[in-house]
Amino acid sequence: MWTLKVELTLYLCTPIIAFLAIKKRIILPISTLLLSILCYYLNWKADTTGIKLYETIGSTIYQSNMFLIGACLYLYFEKAYKYRYYILALSLLCYPFKEIYGWADILFPFAMAGCIFGIAFSLSFLNNFGKIGDLSYGIYLYHAPIIQLFNEKGWNNEDRLTIILATTFALAFLSWHLMEKRILKR
């Protein structure tokens, strides 16, 4: 739930991002790289000065950059899809460098997006996931409150994970078919 404020802000910025992406396609990829470097700088500044504000701003930009990298993959989907195996391999090769300072700020968002993209479009069985509906947003929205409910009530039996997963998927399924799909049609 803590990411909702960032997500809402990015949705409000989407028309601007789309306008820039359509008018000047190269601006979006360059922006993602510059934002990654800015995150590195802000986190370095937070480490060296101890000022928490740098870390807070860096974290918000970092999350925003993940959104922009996804937008880049969508913008250049045909080319990215064509090279999906290379993107996946290159992204996986980046992980051994995770101990290098700055890795998390500069390279990790690209490597993570590359892995997700590469896996999602390389494994054909994942392409049938949406047959029962687009449950991803519902899973994202409902999982945290359900986990919090279990924690609050002290329900800690051995079937806890199964019950949480089943409840989350059931709510996501209902949310998609009773609300989200209808809203998107409008």
N, C-alpha and C. Protein backbone atom coordinates (compact mmCIF):
# COMPACT_ATOMS: atom_id res chain seq x y z
N MET A 1 0.82 -1.19 0.00
CA MET A 1 0.00 0.00 0.00
C MET A 1 0.86 1.26 0.00
N TRP A 2 2.09 1.17 0.51
CA TRP A 2 2.93 2.34 0.60
C TRP A 2 3.33 2.87 -0.77
N THR A 3 3.22 2.07 -1.82
CA THR A 3 3.59 2.53 -3.16
C THR A 3 2.46 3.25 -3.87
N LEU A 4 1.26 3.24 -3.30
CA LEU A 4 0.12 3.85 -3.98
C LEU A 4 0.31 5.33 -4.25
N LYS A 5 0.93 6.06 -3.33
CA LYS A 5 1.13 7.50 -3.57
C LYS A 5 2.07 7.74 -4.74
N VAL A 6 3.10 6.90 -4.87
CA VAL A 6 4.01 7.02 -6.01
C VAL A 6 3.26 6.64 -7.28
N GLU A 7 2.49 5.57 -7.22
CA GLU A 7 1.75 5.11 -8.38
C GLU A 7 0.74 6.16 -8.86
N LEU A 8 0.02 6.76 -7.94
CA LEU A 8 -0.95 7.79 -8.30
C LEU A 8 -0.26 8.98 -8.95
N THR A 9 0.86 9.39 -8.40
CA THR A 9 1.62 10.50 -8.97
C THR A 9 2.05 10.17 -10.40
N LEU A 10 2.52 8.95 -10.60
CA LEU A 10 2.97 8.56 -11.94
C LEU A 10 1.81 8.47 -12.92
N TYR A 11 0.66 8.02 -12.46
CA TYR A 11 -0.51 8.00 -13.35
C TYR A 11 -0.90 9.41 -13.76
N LEU A 12 -0.78 10.35 -12.82
CA LEU A 12 -1.08 11.74 -13.16
C LEU A 12 -0.05 12.30 -14.15
N CYS A 13 1.18 11.80 -14.08
CA CYS A 13 2.23 12.25 -14.99
C CYS A 13 2.21 11.51 -16.34
N THR A 14 1.44 10.45 -16.44
CA THR A 14 1.43 9.62 -17.65
C THR A 14 1.15 10.42 -18.92
N PRO A 15 0.19 11.35 -18.94
CA PRO A 15 -0.02 12.12 -20.18
C PRO A 15 1.23 12.89 -20.62
N ILE A 16 1.96 13.44 -19.67
CA ILE A 16 3.19 14.18 -20.00
C ILE A 16 4.25 13.20 -20.53
N ILE A 17 4.38 12.06 -19.84
CA ILE A 17 5.35 11.04 -20.26
C ILE A 17 5.00 10.55 -21.66
N ALA A 18 3.71 10.30 -21.91
CA ALA A 18 3.27 9.82 -23.23
C ALA A 18 3.53 10.87 -24.30
N PHE A 19 3.25 12.11 -24.01
CA PHE A 19 3.49 13.19 -24.98
C PHE A 19 4.97 13.25 -25.35
N LEU A 20 5.84 13.23 -24.35
CA LEU A 20 7.27 13.28 -24.61
C LEU A 20 7.74 12.03 -25.38
N ALA A 21 7.20 10.88 -25.01
CA ALA A 21 7.61 9.63 -25.67
C ALA A 21 7.19 9.62 -27.13
N ILE A 22 6.02 10.17 -27.42
CA ILE A 22 5.54 10.18 -28.80
C ILE A 22 6.28 11.24 -29.63
N LYS A 23 6.47 12.42 -29.05
CA LYS A 23 7.11 13.51 -29.79
C LYS A 23 8.62 13.31 -29.93
N LYS A 24 9.25 12.90 -28.88
CA LYS A 24 10.71 12.71 -28.86
C LYS A 24 11.01 11.36 -28.23
N ARG A 25 10.95 10.30 -29.02
CA ARG A 25 11.07 8.93 -28.50
C ARG A 25 12.34 8.70 -27.69
N ILE A 26 13.39 9.40 -28.00
CA ILE A 26 14.67 9.16 -27.33
C ILE A 26 14.71 9.76 -25.93
N ILE A 27 13.83 10.71 -25.64
CA ILE A 27 13.85 11.37 -24.33
C ILE A 27 13.61 10.38 -23.19
N LEU A 28 12.69 9.44 -23.38
CA LEU A 28 12.35 8.50 -22.31
C LEU A 28 13.53 7.61 -21.90
N PRO A 29 14.22 6.95 -22.83
CA PRO A 29 15.37 6.13 -22.40
C PRO A 29 16.48 6.96 -21.77
N ILE A 30 16.74 8.13 -22.31
CA ILE A 30 17.78 8.99 -21.72
C ILE A 30 17.37 9.41 -20.31
N SER A 31 16.09 9.71 -20.14
CA SER A 31 15.59 10.11 -18.81
C SER A 31 15.78 9.01 -17.79
N THR A 32 15.54 7.76 -18.18
CA THR A 32 15.69 6.66 -17.22
C THR A 32 17.14 6.54 -16.77
N LEU A 33 18.06 6.68 -17.69
CA LEU A 33 19.48 6.61 -17.33
C LEU A 33 19.87 7.78 -16.42
N LEU A 34 19.43 8.98 -16.77
CA LEU A 34 19.75 10.15 -15.94
C LEU A 34 19.13 10.03 -14.55
N LEU A 35 17.91 9.51 -14.46
CA LEU A 35 17.28 9.33 -13.15
C LEU A 35 18.03 8.29 -12.32
N SER A 36 18.55 7.26 -12.96
CA SER A 36 19.34 6.26 -12.24
C SER A 36 20.61 6.88 -11.66
N ILE A 37 21.26 7.70 -12.45
CA ILE A 37 22.46 8.38 -11.97
C ILE A 37 22.11 9.34 -10.84
N LEU A 38 20.98 10.05 -10.96
CA LEU A 38 20.53 10.95 -9.91
C LEU A 38 20.25 10.18 -8.61
N CYS A 39 19.63 9.01 -8.71
CA CYS A 39 19.38 8.17 -7.52
C CYS A 39 20.70 7.80 -6.85
N TYR A 40 21.68 7.41 -7.65
CA TYR A 40 22.99 7.08 -7.11
C TYR A 40 23.55 8.28 -6.35
N TYR A 41 23.50 9.44 -6.96
CA TYR A 41 24.03 10.64 -6.33
C TYR A 41 23.30 10.95 -5.02
N LEU A 42 21.97 10.90 -5.03
CA LEU A 42 21.20 11.23 -3.83
C LEU A 42 21.46 10.25 -2.69
N ASN A 43 21.56 8.97 -3.03
CA ASN A 43 21.85 7.98 -1.99
C ASN A 43 23.28 8.13 -1.47
N TRP A 44 24.22 8.46 -2.36
CA TRP A 44 25.59 8.73 -1.92
C TRP A 44 25.60 9.95 -1.00
N LYS A 45 24.84 10.98 -1.36
CA LYS A 45 24.76 12.20 -0.55
C LYS A 45 24.14 11.88 0.81
N ALA A 46 23.11 11.03 0.84
CA ALA A 46 22.49 10.64 2.11
C ALA A 46 23.49 9.88 2.97
N ASP A 47 24.29 8.99 2.37
CA ASP A 47 25.29 8.22 3.11
C ASP A 47 26.39 9.11 3.68
N THR A 48 26.81 10.09 2.90
CA THR A 48 27.94 10.92 3.33
C THR A 48 27.54 12.06 4.27
N THR A 49 26.29 12.53 4.15
CA THR A 49 25.87 13.66 4.99
C THR A 49 24.97 13.24 6.14
N GLY A 50 24.33 12.08 6.00
CA GLY A 50 23.39 11.63 7.03
C GLY A 50 22.04 12.32 6.94
N ILE A 51 21.82 13.12 5.92
CA ILE A 51 20.55 13.83 5.76
C ILE A 51 19.53 12.88 5.11
N LYS A 52 18.48 12.59 5.84
CA LYS A 52 17.48 11.61 5.43
C LYS A 52 16.69 12.07 4.19
N LEU A 53 16.56 13.37 4.00
CA LEU A 53 15.79 13.91 2.88
C LEU A 53 16.36 13.43 1.54
N TYR A 54 17.67 13.35 1.43
CA TYR A 54 18.28 12.86 0.19
C TYR A 54 17.83 11.43 -0.11
N GLU A 55 17.81 10.61 0.92
CA GLU A 55 17.39 9.22 0.76
C GLU A 55 15.92 9.13 0.37
N THR A 56 15.07 9.96 0.98
CA THR A 56 13.64 9.96 0.67
C THR A 56 13.40 10.36 -0.78
N ILE A 57 14.05 11.43 -1.22
CA ILE A 57 13.90 11.88 -2.61
C ILE A 57 14.44 10.82 -3.56
N GLY A 58 15.60 10.26 -3.23
CA GLY A 58 16.20 9.21 -4.06
C GLY A 58 15.30 8.00 -4.19
N SER A 59 14.66 7.62 -3.10
CA SER A 59 13.75 6.46 -3.11
C SER A 59 12.55 6.72 -4.01
N THR A 60 11.99 7.90 -3.93
CA THR A 60 10.83 8.24 -4.76
C THR A 60 11.22 8.25 -6.24
N ILE A 61 12.37 8.83 -6.55
CA ILE A 61 12.83 8.85 -7.94
C ILE A 61 13.12 7.44 -8.42
N TYR A 62 13.69 6.62 -7.55
CA TYR A 62 14.01 5.23 -7.89
C TYR A 62 12.74 4.48 -8.30
N GLN A 63 11.69 4.63 -7.49
CA GLN A 63 10.42 3.96 -7.81
C GLN A 63 9.82 4.51 -9.10
N SER A 64 9.94 5.80 -9.31
CA SER A 64 9.44 6.41 -10.53
C SER A 64 10.20 5.88 -11.74
N ASN A 65 11.48 5.68 -11.56
CA ASN A 65 12.29 5.20 -12.67
C ASN A 65 11.90 3.79 -13.09
N MET A 66 11.48 2.97 -12.14
CA MET A 66 11.02 1.62 -12.49
C MET A 66 9.80 1.73 -13.42
N PHE A 67 8.92 2.66 -13.14
CA PHE A 67 7.75 2.92 -13.98
C PHE A 67 8.20 3.36 -15.38
N LEU A 68 9.16 4.27 -15.44
CA LEU A 68 9.64 4.78 -16.73
C LEU A 68 10.35 3.70 -17.55
N ILE A 69 11.06 2.81 -16.89
CA ILE A 69 11.72 1.72 -17.61
C ILE A 69 10.66 0.81 -18.24
N GLY A 70 9.58 0.55 -17.50
CA GLY A 70 8.47 -0.21 -18.06
C GLY A 70 7.85 0.52 -19.25
N ALA A 71 7.73 1.84 -19.15
CA ALA A 71 7.20 2.64 -20.27
C ALA A 71 8.12 2.54 -21.48
N CYS A 72 9.43 2.53 -21.25
CA CYS A 72 10.40 2.38 -22.35
C CYS A 72 10.23 1.03 -23.04
N LEU A 73 10.09 -0.01 -22.25
CA LEU A 73 9.90 -1.34 -22.83
C LEU A 73 8.62 -1.40 -23.65
N TYR A 74 7.59 -0.71 -23.19
CA TYR A 74 6.35 -0.65 -23.95
C TYR A 74 6.54 0.16 -25.23
N LEU A 75 7.22 1.29 -25.12
CA LEU A 75 7.45 2.18 -26.26
C LEU A 75 8.25 1.48 -27.36
N TYR A 76 9.24 0.70 -26.94
CA TYR A 76 10.10 -0.01 -27.90
C TYR A 76 9.80 -1.51 -27.86
N PHE A 77 8.55 -1.87 -27.69
CA PHE A 77 8.18 -3.27 -27.46
C PHE A 77 8.65 -4.19 -28.59
N GLU A 78 8.41 -3.80 -29.84
CA GLU A 78 8.75 -4.69 -30.95
C GLU A 78 10.24 -5.02 -30.97
N LYS A 79 11.07 -4.01 -30.77
CA LYS A 79 12.52 -4.26 -30.74
C LYS A 79 12.91 -5.06 -29.50
N ALA A 80 12.34 -4.69 -28.36
CA ALA A 80 12.66 -5.41 -27.12
C ALA A 80 12.22 -6.87 -27.21
N TYR A 81 11.05 -7.10 -27.77
CA TYR A 81 10.54 -8.47 -27.91
C TYR A 81 11.46 -9.30 -28.81
N LYS A 82 11.91 -8.69 -29.88
CA LYS A 82 12.81 -9.37 -30.82
C LYS A 82 14.09 -9.83 -30.13
N TYR A 83 14.59 -9.03 -29.18
CA TYR A 83 15.82 -9.33 -28.47
C TYR A 83 15.61 -9.78 -27.03
N ARG A 84 14.44 -10.32 -26.73
CA ARG A 84 14.09 -10.67 -25.35
C ARG A 84 15.05 -11.66 -24.71
N TYR A 85 15.56 -12.62 -25.47
CA TYR A 85 16.50 -13.60 -24.90
C TYR A 85 17.82 -12.93 -24.54
N TYR A 86 18.27 -12.02 -25.38
CA TYR A 86 19.50 -11.28 -25.10
C TYR A 86 19.32 -10.35 -23.90
N ILE A 87 18.16 -9.72 -23.84
CA ILE A 87 17.86 -8.83 -22.71
C ILE A 87 17.87 -9.62 -21.41
N LEU A 88 17.25 -10.79 -21.42
CA LEU A 88 17.22 -11.64 -20.23
C LEU A 88 18.63 -12.09 -19.85
N ALA A 89 19.40 -12.55 -20.81
CA ALA A 89 20.76 -13.02 -20.52
C ALA A 89 21.63 -11.89 -19.98
N LEU A 90 21.58 -10.74 -20.61
CA LEU A 90 22.37 -9.60 -20.16
C LEU A 90 21.95 -9.16 -18.76
N SER A 91 20.64 -9.15 -18.52
CA SER A 91 20.14 -8.76 -17.19
C SER A 91 20.60 -9.73 -16.12
N LEU A 92 20.57 -11.02 -16.42
CA LEU A 92 21.04 -12.02 -15.46
C LEU A 92 22.54 -11.92 -15.22
N LEU A 93 23.28 -11.55 -16.25
CA LEU A 93 24.73 -11.39 -16.10
C LEU A 93 25.10 -10.20 -15.21
N CYS A 94 24.19 -9.24 -15.09
CA CYS A 94 24.46 -8.05 -14.26
C CYS A 94 24.42 -8.36 -12.77
N TYR A 95 23.69 -9.39 -12.36
CA TYR A 95 23.49 -9.64 -10.93
C TYR A 95 24.75 -9.90 -10.11
N PRO A 96 25.80 -10.54 -10.66
CA PRO A 96 27.01 -10.72 -9.84
C PRO A 96 27.66 -9.41 -9.40
N PHE A 97 27.31 -8.31 -10.04
CA PHE A 97 27.91 -7.02 -9.70
C PHE A 97 27.15 -6.28 -8.61
N LYS A 98 26.23 -6.95 -7.93
CA LYS A 98 25.36 -6.29 -6.96
C LYS A 98 26.09 -5.71 -5.75
N GLU A 99 27.29 -6.16 -5.48
CA GLU A 99 28.02 -5.64 -4.32
C GLU A 99 28.76 -4.34 -4.63
N ILE A 100 28.83 -3.99 -5.88
CA ILE A 100 29.52 -2.75 -6.26
C ILE A 100 28.65 -1.58 -5.85
N TYR A 101 29.24 -0.58 -5.20
CA TYR A 101 28.49 0.58 -4.74
C TYR A 101 27.87 1.29 -5.94
N GLY A 102 26.62 1.63 -5.83
CA GLY A 102 25.91 2.30 -6.91
C GLY A 102 25.13 1.35 -7.80
N TRP A 103 25.40 0.06 -7.68
CA TRP A 103 24.71 -0.94 -8.49
C TRP A 103 23.20 -0.83 -8.35
N ALA A 104 22.75 -0.77 -7.11
CA ALA A 104 21.30 -0.76 -6.86
C ALA A 104 20.64 0.46 -7.48
N ASP A 105 21.33 1.57 -7.49
CA ASP A 105 20.74 2.80 -8.00
C ASP A 105 20.80 2.90 -9.53
N ILE A 106 21.90 2.48 -10.11
CA ILE A 106 22.09 2.69 -11.54
C ILE A 106 21.68 1.48 -12.38
N LEU A 107 22.20 0.30 -12.08
CA LEU A 107 21.96 -0.86 -12.95
C LEU A 107 20.77 -1.73 -12.55
N PHE A 108 20.52 -1.84 -11.26
CA PHE A 108 19.49 -2.79 -10.82
C PHE A 108 18.12 -2.57 -11.45
N PRO A 109 17.62 -1.33 -11.56
CA PRO A 109 16.29 -1.17 -12.19
C PRO A 109 16.24 -1.72 -13.61
N PHE A 110 17.32 -1.54 -14.37
CA PHE A 110 17.37 -2.04 -15.74
C PHE A 110 17.46 -3.57 -15.76
N ALA A 111 18.29 -4.11 -14.87
CA ALA A 111 18.45 -5.57 -14.80
C ALA A 111 17.15 -6.24 -14.35
N MET A 112 16.50 -5.65 -13.37
CA MET A 112 15.25 -6.21 -12.88
C MET A 112 14.17 -6.18 -13.97
N ALA A 113 14.03 -5.04 -14.62
CA ALA A 113 13.04 -4.92 -15.70
C ALA A 113 13.37 -5.89 -16.83
N GLY A 114 14.66 -6.01 -17.15
CA GLY A 114 15.08 -6.94 -18.21
C GLY A 114 14.75 -8.38 -17.87
N CYS A 115 14.96 -8.75 -16.61
CA CYS A 115 14.61 -10.12 -16.18
C CYS A 115 13.11 -10.36 -16.25
N ILE A 116 12.35 -9.43 -15.73
CA ILE A 116 10.88 -9.58 -15.75
C ILE A 116 10.38 -9.66 -17.19
N PHE A 117 10.84 -8.75 -18.02
CA PHE A 117 10.43 -8.73 -19.43
C PHE A 117 10.87 -10.01 -20.13
N GLY A 118 12.14 -10.37 -19.94
CA GLY A 118 12.66 -11.56 -20.61
C GLY A 118 11.95 -12.83 -20.20
N ILE A 119 11.70 -13.00 -18.92
CA ILE A 119 11.00 -14.20 -18.44
C ILE A 119 9.55 -14.20 -18.91
N ALA A 120 8.89 -13.05 -18.78
CA ALA A 120 7.47 -12.98 -19.15
C ALA A 120 7.24 -13.31 -20.62
N PHE A 121 8.14 -12.90 -21.49
CA PHE A 121 7.93 -13.10 -22.92
C PHE A 121 8.75 -14.23 -23.51
N SER A 122 9.51 -14.94 -22.70
CA SER A 122 10.28 -16.09 -23.18
C SER A 122 9.62 -17.41 -22.80
N LEU A 123 8.87 -17.41 -21.71
CA LEU A 123 8.22 -18.64 -21.25
C LEU A 123 6.77 -18.63 -21.72
N SER A 124 6.47 -19.46 -22.70
CA SER A 124 5.15 -19.40 -23.35
C SER A 124 3.99 -19.68 -22.40
N PHE A 125 4.19 -20.50 -21.37
CA PHE A 125 3.07 -20.80 -20.47
C PHE A 125 2.61 -19.56 -19.70
N LEU A 126 3.48 -18.56 -19.58
CA LEU A 126 3.07 -17.32 -18.90
C LEU A 126 2.14 -16.48 -19.77
N ASN A 127 2.13 -16.74 -21.06
CA ASN A 127 1.28 -15.96 -21.96
C ASN A 127 -0.19 -16.31 -21.82
N ASN A 128 -0.51 -17.38 -21.12
CA ASN A 128 -1.91 -17.77 -20.90
C ASN A 128 -2.42 -17.31 -19.55
N PHE A 129 -1.61 -16.59 -18.81
CA PHE A 129 -1.96 -16.20 -17.45
C PHE A 129 -3.23 -15.36 -17.39
N GLY A 130 -3.46 -14.54 -18.39
CA GLY A 130 -4.61 -13.64 -18.38
C GLY A 130 -5.92 -14.25 -18.80
N LYS A 131 -5.97 -15.55 -19.05
CA LYS A 131 -7.22 -16.19 -19.49
C LYS A 131 -8.35 -16.01 -18.48
N ILE A 132 -8.01 -16.01 -17.20
CA ILE A 132 -9.06 -15.87 -16.18
C ILE A 132 -9.29 -14.40 -15.81
N GLY A 133 -8.54 -13.51 -16.44
CA GLY A 133 -8.67 -12.08 -16.17
C GLY A 133 -7.34 -11.50 -15.77
N ASP A 134 -7.27 -10.18 -15.75
CA ASP A 134 -6.03 -9.49 -15.36
C ASP A 134 -6.07 -9.28 -13.85
N LEU A 135 -5.50 -10.21 -13.13
CA LEU A 135 -5.57 -10.20 -11.67
C LEU A 135 -4.42 -9.43 -11.03
N SER A 136 -3.46 -8.97 -11.81
CA SER A 136 -2.25 -8.39 -11.25
C SER A 136 -2.53 -7.18 -10.35
N TYR A 137 -3.39 -6.29 -10.78
CA TYR A 137 -3.65 -5.09 -9.97
C TYR A 137 -4.39 -5.46 -8.69
N GLY A 138 -5.34 -6.38 -8.79
CA GLY A 138 -6.06 -6.83 -7.61
C GLY A 138 -5.15 -7.52 -6.61
N ILE A 139 -4.22 -8.33 -7.10
CA ILE A 139 -3.25 -8.98 -6.22
C ILE A 139 -2.41 -7.92 -5.53
N TYR A 140 -1.97 -6.95 -6.30
CA TYR A 140 -1.17 -5.84 -5.76
C TYR A 140 -1.93 -5.09 -4.68
N LEU A 141 -3.21 -4.81 -4.92
CA LEU A 141 -4.00 -4.03 -3.97
C LEU A 141 -4.38 -4.81 -2.71
N TYR A 142 -4.75 -6.07 -2.87
CA TYR A 142 -5.36 -6.79 -1.76
C TYR A 142 -4.41 -7.61 -0.90
N HIS A 143 -3.22 -7.91 -1.41
CA HIS A 143 -2.35 -8.81 -0.63
C HIS A 143 -1.94 -8.20 0.72
N ALA A 144 -1.56 -6.92 0.72
CA ALA A 144 -1.07 -6.31 1.96
C ALA A 144 -2.16 -6.23 3.04
N PRO A 145 -3.37 -5.77 2.73
CA PRO A 145 -4.41 -5.75 3.78
C PRO A 145 -4.75 -7.14 4.33
N ILE A 146 -4.71 -8.13 3.45
CA ILE A 146 -5.01 -9.50 3.92
C ILE A 146 -3.91 -9.99 4.85
N ILE A 147 -2.67 -9.75 4.50
CA ILE A 147 -1.56 -10.14 5.38
C ILE A 147 -1.66 -9.40 6.71
N GLN A 148 -1.97 -8.11 6.65
CA GLN A 148 -2.12 -7.32 7.88
C GLN A 148 -3.26 -7.84 8.75
N LEU A 149 -4.34 -8.25 8.13
CA LEU A 149 -5.47 -8.82 8.88
C LEU A 149 -5.03 -10.08 9.61
N PHE A 150 -4.31 -10.95 8.92
CA PHE A 150 -3.82 -12.18 9.54
C PHE A 150 -2.88 -11.87 10.70
N ASN A 151 -2.01 -10.89 10.51
CA ASN A 151 -1.09 -10.51 11.58
C ASN A 151 -1.84 -9.93 12.77
N GLU A 152 -2.80 -9.05 12.50
CA GLU A 152 -3.58 -8.39 13.56
C GLU A 152 -4.38 -9.39 14.38
N LYS A 153 -4.96 -10.37 13.69
CA LYS A 153 -5.80 -11.37 14.37
C LYS A 153 -4.97 -12.50 14.98
N GLY A 154 -3.66 -12.55 14.65
CA GLY A 154 -2.81 -13.59 15.21
C GLY A 154 -3.05 -14.96 14.60
N TRP A 155 -3.56 -14.99 13.39
CA TRP A 155 -3.82 -16.26 12.72
C TRP A 155 -2.51 -16.77 12.13
N ASN A 156 -1.85 -17.65 12.86
CA ASN A 156 -0.53 -18.13 12.45
C ASN A 156 -0.48 -19.65 12.35
N ASN A 157 -1.45 -20.25 11.71
CA ASN A 157 -1.40 -21.70 11.57
C ASN A 157 -0.59 -22.10 10.35
N GLU A 158 -0.40 -23.41 10.16
CA GLU A 158 0.47 -23.89 9.09
C GLU A 158 -0.14 -23.67 7.70
N ASP A 159 -1.44 -23.43 7.62
CA ASP A 159 -2.09 -23.20 6.34
C ASP A 159 -2.20 -21.71 6.00
N ARG A 160 -1.56 -20.88 6.79
CA ARG A 160 -1.67 -19.43 6.64
C ARG A 160 -1.36 -18.96 5.21
N LEU A 161 -0.23 -19.38 4.65
CA LEU A 161 0.17 -18.94 3.32
C LEU A 161 -0.87 -19.35 2.28
N THR A 162 -1.35 -20.57 2.36
CA THR A 162 -2.35 -21.05 1.42
C THR A 162 -3.62 -20.23 1.51
N ILE A 163 -4.07 -19.95 2.72
CA ILE A 163 -5.30 -19.17 2.91
C ILE A 163 -5.11 -17.73 2.41
N ILE A 164 -3.97 -17.14 2.71
CA ILE A 164 -3.69 -15.77 2.24
C ILE A 164 -3.68 -15.73 0.72
N LEU A 165 -2.99 -16.69 0.08
CA LEU A 165 -2.94 -16.72 -1.38
C LEU A 165 -4.32 -16.93 -1.98
N ALA A 166 -5.07 -17.88 -1.43
CA ALA A 166 -6.41 -18.15 -1.96
C ALA A 166 -7.33 -16.94 -1.80
N THR A 167 -7.27 -16.30 -0.65
CA THR A 167 -8.11 -15.11 -0.41
C THR A 167 -7.70 -13.98 -1.34
N THR A 168 -6.42 -13.75 -1.49
CA THR A 168 -5.93 -12.68 -2.37
C THR A 168 -6.35 -12.93 -3.81
N PHE A 169 -6.16 -14.14 -4.31
CA PHE A 169 -6.55 -14.45 -5.69
C PHE A 169 -8.06 -14.36 -5.87
N ALA A 170 -8.83 -14.81 -4.88
CA ALA A 170 -10.29 -14.73 -4.98
C ALA A 170 -10.75 -13.27 -5.05
N LEU A 171 -10.21 -12.43 -4.19
CA LEU A 171 -10.57 -11.01 -4.22
C LEU A 171 -10.13 -10.34 -5.51
N ALA A 172 -8.94 -10.68 -5.99
CA ALA A 172 -8.45 -10.12 -7.25
C ALA A 172 -9.33 -10.55 -8.42
N PHE A 173 -9.75 -11.81 -8.41
CA PHE A 173 -10.64 -12.33 -9.45
C PHE A 173 -11.97 -11.59 -9.44
N LEU A 174 -12.56 -11.45 -8.25
CA LEU A 174 -13.84 -10.73 -8.13
C LEU A 174 -13.69 -9.27 -8.50
N SER A 175 -12.60 -8.66 -8.07
CA SER A 175 -12.36 -7.26 -8.38
C SER A 175 -12.26 -7.04 -9.89
N TRP A 176 -11.55 -7.94 -10.59
CA TRP A 176 -11.40 -7.80 -12.03
C TRP A 176 -12.75 -7.93 -12.73
N HIS A 177 -13.48 -9.00 -12.39
CA HIS A 177 -14.71 -9.29 -13.14
C HIS A 177 -15.89 -8.41 -12.73
N LEU A 178 -15.93 -7.96 -11.50
CA LEU A 178 -17.07 -7.16 -11.06
C LEU A 178 -16.84 -5.65 -11.17
N MET A 179 -15.56 -5.23 -11.22
CA MET A 179 -15.30 -3.80 -11.18
C MET A 179 -14.31 -3.34 -12.26
N GLU A 180 -13.07 -3.81 -12.20
CA GLU A 180 -12.01 -3.28 -13.05
C GLU A 180 -12.32 -3.41 -14.55
N LYS A 181 -12.74 -4.59 -14.98
CA LYS A 181 -13.02 -4.82 -16.40
C LYS A 181 -14.13 -3.89 -16.89
N ARG A 182 -15.15 -3.71 -16.06
CA ARG A 182 -16.27 -2.84 -16.44
C ARG A 182 -15.81 -1.38 -16.53
N ILE A 183 -14.98 -0.97 -15.60
CA ILE A 183 -14.49 0.41 -15.62
C ILE A 183 -13.62 0.66 -16.85
N LEU A 184 -12.76 -0.30 -17.19
CA LEU A 184 -11.89 -0.15 -18.35
C LEU A 184 -12.67 -0.10 -19.66
N LYS A 185 -13.82 -0.77 -19.74
CA LYS A 185 -14.64 -0.72 -20.94
C LYS A 185 -15.22 0.67 -21.17
N ARG A 186 -15.45 1.41 -20.09
CA ARG A 186 -16.02 2.75 -20.22
C ARG A 186 -14.96 3.67 -20.75
